[in-house]
């Protein structure tokens, strides 16, 4: 079990691990539960560590969290009569960390796990070869902003999904550093990254969104994934971004699961950040807060404002789909709208029903259906344009 006390001073890592724990469970279970679907799942961690371990049993490492969750899913499927193959590939370059990593794998014998020593960029093709035709989830979680996205193409184009820790705060500090320019061209997979950022910033209205959109475009170009989105993880003690988890998938159902996990994780993020700020205030002033839990209210109120902004963008994205078509399938709508941060399937249905009530669209639900499905047809009302 992931315990917040193991992450004092690195609350952003706790949030990342909570997200990984929830999402890995969902993607492995959904992928393997169908008797007519996949029978083999492979998890890849390209920068495995372990790093800054606080617990004696290493439970606060991404390696242990992933292997424990994969073991739980395999046991759950086995109990329901489903036999699957669960595998994992971990890559680590530092000799000392690699030694500890190799020892950790022995604690989880029900997962066929292997550790590879070396640079993930150079081992990307070997990892892809080992995965073969299985479904995979690739975690790219470096300790720096410097990634060579093109070199990681073999694993990013596997049949499955990818999550990348985009180290935004580190990148921002280095974006104008002369020695970082070559690294940035590889991170954004283009020499024209400055022009792309400027264009995206003008379109989206903020520097951060421009930088993030440019990176997401690079991920989509290299991986070929149909959908690419992200979720924000804040710094523990400041109201600014520490990093973004960027996610690529080929199906809108993956987006749905990603957004559901985001919705679960954000309140937990604000809870641990509130606790970290209270601890810092007490250390600074020598006095404990009488009502520390109330300090999480302001960020959550700000979050609701951000969510409402995303709902407006979702509505604009909906009608953008009708620019060249009179009718659109539900899967295309869900894919377009769920790529927006904080937008869940419930929000998509809310946008649709609201605009149907306004007489702008018609949702062609089958008898007995109450929510949109991938095959649902939604058409625009031409009368509403007159």
Protein backbone atom coordinates (compact mmCIF):
# COMPACT_ATOMS: atom_id res chain seq x y z
CA UNK A 1 0.00 0.00 0.00
CA UNK A 2 1.27 3.48 -0.89
CA UNK A 3 1.73 5.56 2.28
CA UNK A 4 2.10 9.34 2.17
CA UNK A 5 4.43 9.28 5.21
CA UNK A 6 7.07 7.56 3.06
CA UNK A 7 7.22 10.62 0.78
CA UNK A 8 7.91 13.55 3.10
CA UNK A 9 9.71 16.21 1.08
CA UNK A 10 8.86 14.53 -2.24
CA UNK A 11 5.09 14.73 -2.29
CA UNK A 12 5.10 15.12 -6.09
CA UNK A 13 6.51 11.58 -6.31
CA UNK A 14 3.73 10.34 -4.05
CA UNK A 15 1.14 11.82 -6.42
CA UNK A 16 2.88 10.22 -9.40
CA UNK A 17 2.97 6.83 -7.68
CA UNK A 18 -0.70 7.05 -6.66
CA UNK A 19 -1.57 7.80 -10.28
CA UNK A 20 0.61 4.95 -11.58
CA UNK A 21 -0.84 2.51 -9.06
CA UNK A 22 -4.44 3.30 -10.07
CA UNK A 23 -3.82 3.46 -13.80
CA UNK A 24 -1.70 0.33 -14.05
CA UNK A 25 -4.42 -1.63 -12.30
CA UNK A 26 -7.09 -0.35 -14.69
CA UNK A 27 -5.16 -0.81 -17.93
CA UNK A 28 -3.92 -4.30 -17.02
CA UNK A 29 -7.33 -5.45 -15.82
CA UNK A 30 -9.32 -4.01 -18.72
CA UNK A 31 -6.80 -5.32 -21.26
CA UNK A 32 -6.69 -8.87 -19.94
CA UNK A 33 -10.16 -9.49 -18.49
CA UNK A 34 -11.88 -10.19 -21.81
CA UNK A 35 -11.62 -13.87 -22.78
CA UNK A 36 -11.60 -12.87 -26.45
CA UNK A 37 -8.91 -10.21 -25.98
CA UNK A 38 -5.27 -10.03 -24.99
CA UNK A 39 -3.62 -12.81 -23.02
CA UNK A 40 -0.28 -11.14 -22.34
CA UNK A 41 0.59 -7.79 -20.77
CA UNK A 42 4.07 -6.23 -20.59
CA UNK A 43 5.00 -3.27 -18.40
CA UNK A 44 8.18 -1.34 -19.28
CA UNK A 45 9.92 1.14 -16.98
CA UNK A 46 12.80 2.77 -18.85
CA UNK A 47 14.34 4.74 -15.97
CA UNK A 48 13.54 2.33 -13.17
CA UNK A 49 15.86 3.36 -10.37
CA UNK A 50 15.12 2.78 -7.52
CA UNK A 51 15.61 6.38 -6.36
CA UNK A 52 15.53 7.97 -2.87
CA UNK A 53 14.02 4.98 -1.07
CA UNK A 54 12.53 5.82 2.35
CA UNK A 55 10.92 2.53 3.39
CA UNK A 56 12.91 -0.51 4.46
CA UNK A 57 11.02 -2.81 2.08
CA UNK A 58 11.28 -0.38 -0.90
CA UNK A 59 7.50 -0.12 -1.10
CA UNK A 60 7.84 3.56 -2.08
CA UNK A 61 9.59 2.76 -5.38
CA UNK A 62 7.85 2.62 -8.74
CA UNK A 63 9.34 -0.84 -9.27
CA UNK A 64 7.71 -2.35 -6.18
CA UNK A 65 4.45 -0.51 -6.79
CA UNK A 66 4.21 -1.81 -10.37
CA UNK A 67 5.18 -5.41 -9.55
CA UNK A 68 2.81 -5.54 -6.60
CA UNK A 69 -0.06 -4.25 -8.72
CA UNK A 70 0.68 -6.62 -11.61
CA UNK A 71 0.75 -9.52 -9.13
CA UNK A 72 -2.62 -8.46 -7.69
CA UNK A 73 -4.22 -8.22 -11.14
CA UNK A 74 -2.86 -11.61 -12.18
CA UNK A 75 -4.19 -13.23 -9.01
CA UNK A 76 -7.58 -11.54 -9.45
CA UNK A 77 -7.87 -12.76 -13.03
CA UNK A 78 -6.78 -16.24 -12.01
CA UNK A 79 -9.49 -16.34 -9.34
CA UNK A 80 -12.06 -15.56 -12.04
CA UNK A 81 -10.75 -18.38 -14.24
CA UNK A 82 -8.63 -16.26 -16.57
CA UNK A 83 -5.05 -17.44 -17.23
CA UNK A 84 -2.75 -14.66 -18.42
CA UNK A 85 0.94 -13.98 -18.84
CA UNK A 86 2.22 -10.95 -16.91
CA UNK A 87 5.67 -9.60 -17.78
CA UNK A 88 7.80 -6.57 -16.91
CA UNK A 89 11.00 -5.03 -18.27
CA UNK A 90 13.01 -2.61 -16.15
CA UNK A 91 15.96 -0.59 -17.45
CA UNK A 92 18.49 1.19 -15.25
CA UNK A 93 21.87 2.72 -16.10
CA UNK A 94 23.49 3.33 -12.70
CA UNK A 95 25.32 0.22 -11.41
CA UNK A 96 24.34 0.72 -7.75
CA UNK A 97 20.66 1.21 -8.56
CA UNK A 98 20.72 -1.68 -11.02
CA UNK A 99 21.99 -4.00 -8.29
CA UNK A 100 19.12 -3.05 -5.99
CA UNK A 101 16.67 -3.29 -8.86
CA UNK A 102 17.76 -6.85 -9.65
CA UNK A 103 17.27 -7.83 -6.02
CA UNK A 104 13.76 -6.34 -5.95
CA UNK A 105 12.55 -8.48 -8.84
CA UNK A 106 13.08 -11.65 -6.82
CA UNK A 107 10.36 -10.53 -4.39
CA UNK A 108 7.66 -10.85 -7.07
CA UNK A 109 7.97 -14.31 -8.65
CA UNK A 110 4.49 -14.29 -10.23
CA UNK A 111 5.53 -11.63 -12.71
CA UNK A 112 8.07 -12.57 -15.38
CA UNK A 113 10.36 -9.60 -14.78
CA UNK A 114 13.77 -8.85 -16.26
CA UNK A 115 16.23 -6.05 -15.52
CA UNK A 116 18.42 -4.60 -18.28
CA UNK A 117 21.48 -2.49 -17.43
CA UNK A 118 22.19 0.49 -19.65
CA UNK A 119 20.80 3.61 -21.31
CA UNK A 120 17.11 3.25 -22.19
CA UNK A 121 17.59 5.23 -25.39
CA UNK A 122 20.08 2.64 -26.59
CA UNK A 123 18.04 -0.32 -25.31
CA UNK A 124 14.72 0.83 -26.76
CA UNK A 125 14.89 -1.55 -29.73
CA UNK A 126 15.83 -4.48 -27.50
CA UNK A 127 12.89 -3.75 -25.19
CA UNK A 128 10.53 -3.61 -28.17
CA UNK A 129 11.89 -6.92 -29.45
CA UNK A 130 11.23 -8.55 -26.08
CA UNK A 131 7.64 -7.25 -25.99
CA UNK A 132 6.79 -8.68 -29.39
CA UNK A 133 3.07 -8.63 -30.18
CA UNK A 134 1.90 -8.31 -26.55
CA UNK A 135 -0.01 -5.30 -25.20
CA UNK A 136 2.33 -2.95 -23.32
CA UNK A 137 2.31 0.04 -21.03
CA UNK A 138 5.58 2.00 -21.29
CA UNK A 139 6.60 4.34 -18.47
CA UNK A 140 9.27 6.89 -19.41
CA UNK A 141 10.15 8.58 -16.14
CA UNK A 142 13.57 10.29 -16.35
CA UNK A 143 15.20 12.46 -13.71
CA UNK A 144 15.85 15.23 -16.25
CA UNK A 145 14.04 17.08 -19.01
CA UNK A 146 16.54 15.79 -21.59
CA UNK A 147 14.93 13.00 -23.61
CA UNK A 148 15.67 11.82 -27.12
CA UNK A 149 12.12 11.10 -28.24
CA UNK A 150 13.15 9.81 -31.66
CA UNK A 151 15.53 7.27 -30.08
CA UNK A 152 12.61 5.93 -28.02
CA UNK A 153 10.41 5.36 -31.07
CA UNK A 154 10.71 1.52 -30.95
CA UNK A 155 8.95 1.35 -27.55
CA UNK A 156 6.63 4.29 -28.17
CA UNK A 157 5.17 2.62 -31.27
CA UNK A 158 4.41 -0.69 -29.59
CA UNK A 159 0.82 -1.94 -29.44
CA UNK A 160 -0.30 -0.33 -26.22
CA UNK A 161 0.09 2.88 -24.31
CA UNK A 162 2.82 5.21 -23.09
CA UNK A 163 3.17 7.55 -20.11
CA UNK A 164 6.00 10.11 -20.08
CA UNK A 165 7.03 12.27 -17.15
CA UNK A 166 7.56 15.62 -18.88
CA UNK A 167 9.81 17.44 -16.41
CA UNK A 168 8.38 20.88 -17.07
CA UNK A 169 9.97 22.77 -14.16
CA UNK A 170 13.45 21.49 -15.06
CA UNK A 171 12.93 22.28 -18.74
CA UNK A 172 11.72 25.81 -17.98
CA UNK A 173 14.91 26.54 -16.03
CA UNK A 174 17.01 25.36 -18.98
CA UNK A 175 15.04 26.60 -21.97
CA UNK A 176 17.39 29.55 -22.57
CA UNK A 177 20.61 27.88 -21.41
CA UNK A 178 23.01 27.61 -24.33
CA UNK A 179 24.30 24.15 -23.40
CA UNK A 180 20.74 22.78 -23.30
CA UNK A 181 19.71 23.67 -26.85
CA UNK A 182 20.78 20.39 -28.47
CA UNK A 183 18.97 18.46 -25.71
CA UNK A 184 15.81 20.49 -26.28
CA UNK A 185 15.82 19.74 -30.01
CA UNK A 186 15.82 16.03 -29.12
CA UNK A 187 13.17 16.47 -26.41
CA UNK A 188 10.80 18.19 -28.86
CA UNK A 189 11.98 16.04 -31.81
CA UNK A 190 12.52 19.09 -34.01
CA UNK A 191 15.00 21.93 -34.50
CA UNK A 192 12.05 24.32 -34.93
CA UNK A 193 10.74 23.85 -31.40
CA UNK A 194 10.91 27.55 -30.50
CA UNK A 195 8.68 28.53 -33.39
CA UNK A 196 6.26 25.72 -32.54
CA UNK A 197 6.09 26.84 -28.90
CA UNK A 198 5.44 30.45 -29.89
CA UNK A 199 2.64 29.44 -32.27
CA UNK A 200 1.05 27.16 -29.65
CA UNK A 201 1.36 29.87 -26.98
CA UNK A 202 -0.53 32.34 -29.19
CA UNK A 203 -3.21 29.76 -29.88
CA UNK A 204 -3.67 28.57 -26.28
CA UNK A 205 -2.94 31.72 -24.32
CA UNK A 206 -0.11 30.71 -21.98
CA UNK A 207 3.57 29.87 -22.13
CA UNK A 208 3.15 26.63 -20.20
CA UNK A 209 0.34 25.38 -22.43
CA UNK A 210 2.42 26.25 -25.50
CA UNK A 211 5.41 24.26 -24.25
CA UNK A 212 3.25 21.32 -23.21
CA UNK A 213 1.33 21.27 -26.51
CA UNK A 214 4.61 21.28 -28.45
CA UNK A 215 5.88 18.31 -26.48
CA UNK A 216 2.57 16.45 -26.88
CA UNK A 217 2.77 17.05 -30.65
CA UNK A 218 6.26 15.55 -30.65
CA UNK A 219 5.01 12.50 -28.77
CA UNK A 220 2.15 12.06 -31.22
CA UNK A 221 4.44 12.45 -34.25
CA UNK A 222 6.96 9.91 -33.03
CA UNK A 223 4.60 7.39 -31.43
CA UNK A 224 1.81 7.54 -33.99
CA UNK A 225 -0.70 7.33 -31.14
CA UNK A 226 -4.15 8.53 -32.11
CA UNK A 227 -4.67 10.43 -28.86
CA UNK A 228 -2.18 12.27 -26.64
CA UNK A 229 -3.10 14.13 -23.46
CA UNK A 230 -1.66 15.00 -20.05
CA UNK A 231 -2.30 15.63 -16.37
CA UNK A 232 -0.56 18.17 -14.16
CA UNK A 233 1.41 17.45 -10.98
CA UNK A 234 2.19 20.48 -8.82
CA UNK A 235 5.22 21.33 -6.72
CA UNK A 236 4.63 20.43 -3.05
CA UNK A 237 5.04 23.90 -1.54
CA UNK A 238 4.32 26.26 -4.45
CA UNK A 239 1.31 26.71 -6.71
CA UNK A 240 3.19 25.93 -9.87
CA UNK A 241 3.71 22.90 -12.07
CA UNK A 242 6.46 20.44 -11.21
CA UNK A 243 5.81 18.07 -14.12
CA UNK A 244 3.14 16.80 -16.49
CA UNK A 245 2.36 13.14 -17.07
CA UNK A 246 1.89 12.90 -20.84
CA UNK A 247 -0.15 9.95 -22.07
CA UNK A 248 -0.57 8.37 -25.49
CA UNK A 249 -3.13 5.77 -26.56
CA UNK A 250 -4.94 4.56 -29.66
CA UNK A 251 -8.43 4.26 -28.14
CA UNK A 252 -10.80 6.68 -26.46
CA UNK A 253 -11.44 4.10 -23.73
CA UNK A 254 -7.84 4.60 -22.63
CA UNK A 255 -8.54 8.32 -22.33
CA UNK A 256 -11.63 7.53 -20.27
CA UNK A 257 -9.60 5.46 -17.79
CA UNK A 258 -6.84 8.08 -17.68
CA UNK A 259 -9.34 10.83 -16.84
CA UNK A 260 -11.04 8.68 -14.19
CA UNK A 261 -7.69 8.13 -12.48
CA UNK A 262 -6.92 11.85 -12.76
CA UNK A 263 -10.22 12.64 -11.02
CA UNK A 264 -9.26 10.30 -8.15
CA UNK A 265 -5.70 11.58 -7.84
CA UNK A 266 -6.22 15.36 -7.85
CA UNK A 267 -8.00 15.57 -4.45
CA UNK A 268 -5.23 13.39 -2.97
CA UNK A 269 -2.65 15.72 -4.47
CA UNK A 270 -4.20 18.76 -2.81
CA UNK A 271 -4.49 16.86 0.48
CA UNK A 272 -0.78 15.98 0.65
CA UNK A 273 0.26 19.43 -0.59
CA UNK A 274 -1.85 21.01 2.15
CA UNK A 275 -0.12 18.81 4.73
CA UNK A 276 3.33 19.66 3.34
CA UNK A 277 2.57 23.39 3.48
CA UNK A 278 1.30 23.10 7.06
CA UNK A 279 4.49 21.29 8.08
CA UNK A 280 6.61 23.97 6.40
CA UNK A 281 4.64 26.77 8.14
CA UNK A 282 5.07 25.10 11.51
CA UNK A 283 8.81 24.75 10.95
CA UNK A 284 8.99 28.40 9.95
CA UNK A 285 6.79 29.88 12.72
CA UNK A 286 7.00 27.30 15.47
CA UNK A 287 3.19 27.16 15.73
CA UNK A 288 0.87 24.49 14.36
CA UNK A 289 -2.20 25.42 12.27
CA UNK A 290 -5.48 25.12 14.18
CA UNK A 291 -7.42 24.02 11.06
CA UNK A 292 -4.83 22.74 8.55
CA UNK A 293 -7.42 20.93 6.44
CA UNK A 294 -8.98 24.23 5.33
CA UNK A 295 -5.84 25.21 3.41
CA UNK A 296 -6.77 22.71 0.67
CA UNK A 297 -10.02 24.60 -0.07
CA UNK A 298 -8.46 27.40 -2.15
CA UNK A 299 -6.63 25.10 -4.60
CA UNK A 300 -9.77 23.00 -5.04
CA UNK A 301 -11.80 26.14 -5.77
CA UNK A 302 -9.18 27.15 -8.33
CA UNK A 303 -9.39 23.65 -9.78
CA UNK A 304 -13.14 23.94 -10.26
CA UNK A 305 -12.59 27.17 -12.18
CA UNK A 306 -10.07 25.41 -14.38
CA UNK A 307 -12.50 22.53 -14.90
CA UNK A 308 -15.22 24.96 -16.02
CA UNK A 309 -12.77 26.49 -18.49
CA UNK A 310 -12.10 23.00 -19.88
CA UNK A 311 -15.84 22.38 -20.23
CA UNK A 312 -16.10 25.49 -22.39
CA UNK A 313 -13.21 24.24 -24.49
CA UNK A 314 -14.94 20.87 -24.73
CA UNK A 315 -18.03 22.54 -26.13
CA UNK A 316 -15.91 24.38 -28.70
CA UNK A 317 -14.16 21.11 -29.60
CA UNK A 318 -17.54 19.44 -30.08
CA UNK A 319 -18.73 21.97 -32.62
CA UNK A 320 -15.35 21.97 -34.32
CA UNK A 321 -16.09 18.34 -35.23
CA UNK A 322 -19.22 19.50 -37.07
CA UNK A 323 -17.36 21.99 -39.26
CA UNK A 324 -17.14 19.45 -42.10
CA UNK A 325 -19.72 16.85 -41.03
CA UNK A 326 -23.40 16.86 -40.22
CA UNK A 327 -23.11 13.75 -38.03
CA UNK A 328 -20.28 12.39 -35.86
CA UNK A 329 -19.84 9.06 -34.07
CA UNK A 330 -19.58 9.00 -30.29
CA UNK A 331 -16.08 7.53 -30.40
CA UNK A 332 -14.79 10.55 -32.31
CA UNK A 333 -16.48 12.92 -29.86
CA UNK A 334 -15.12 11.09 -26.83
CA UNK A 335 -11.65 10.97 -28.34
CA UNK A 336 -11.61 14.70 -29.05
CA UNK A 337 -13.09 15.91 -25.77
CA UNK A 338 -11.39 13.49 -23.37
CA UNK A 339 -8.01 14.75 -24.52
CA UNK A 340 -8.77 17.97 -22.64
CA UNK A 341 -7.42 17.98 -19.06
CA UNK A 342 -9.95 17.37 -16.27
CA UNK A 343 -12.73 16.36 -18.70
CA UNK A 344 -14.34 13.02 -17.82
CA UNK A 345 -16.90 11.02 -19.75
CA UNK A 346 -19.53 12.46 -17.39
CA UNK A 347 -18.49 15.94 -18.51
CA UNK A 348 -18.76 14.90 -22.17
CA UNK A 349 -22.30 13.65 -21.61
CA UNK A 350 -23.13 16.89 -19.80
CA UNK A 351 -21.88 18.96 -22.75
CA UNK A 352 -23.90 16.82 -25.16
CA UNK A 353 -27.16 16.83 -23.21
CA UNK A 354 -26.92 20.59 -22.57
CA UNK A 355 -26.53 21.31 -26.26
CA UNK A 356 -29.31 18.91 -27.15
CA UNK A 357 -31.59 20.77 -24.75
CA UNK A 358 -30.57 24.00 -26.49
CA UNK A 359 -31.67 22.51 -29.78
CA UNK A 360 -28.17 22.56 -31.30
CA UNK A 361 -27.59 18.79 -31.65
CA UNK A 362 -29.49 15.50 -31.56
CA UNK A 363 -28.07 12.47 -29.72
CA UNK A 364 -29.39 9.32 -31.37
CA UNK A 365 -29.44 6.96 -28.39
CA UNK A 366 -30.82 3.46 -28.77
CA UNK A 367 -33.87 2.50 -26.66
CA UNK A 368 -32.83 2.10 -23.03
CA UNK A 369 -29.51 3.96 -23.47
CA UNK A 370 -28.81 6.99 -21.30
CA UNK A 371 -25.19 7.86 -22.11
CA UNK A 372 -23.16 8.14 -25.28
CA UNK A 373 -21.26 5.10 -26.60
CA UNK A 374 -18.61 4.80 -29.26
CA UNK A 375 -21.19 3.82 -31.85
CA UNK A 376 -23.72 6.52 -30.93
CA UNK A 377 -24.47 8.97 -33.73
CA UNK A 378 -24.72 12.66 -32.87
CA UNK A 379 -25.98 15.07 -35.51
CA UNK A 380 -26.14 18.83 -35.59
CA UNK A 381 -29.44 20.66 -35.96
CA UNK A 382 -29.27 22.75 -39.12
CA UNK A 383 -32.21 24.85 -37.95
CA UNK A 384 -30.08 26.10 -35.04
CA UNK A 385 -27.71 27.77 -37.49
CA UNK A 386 -30.40 29.84 -39.17
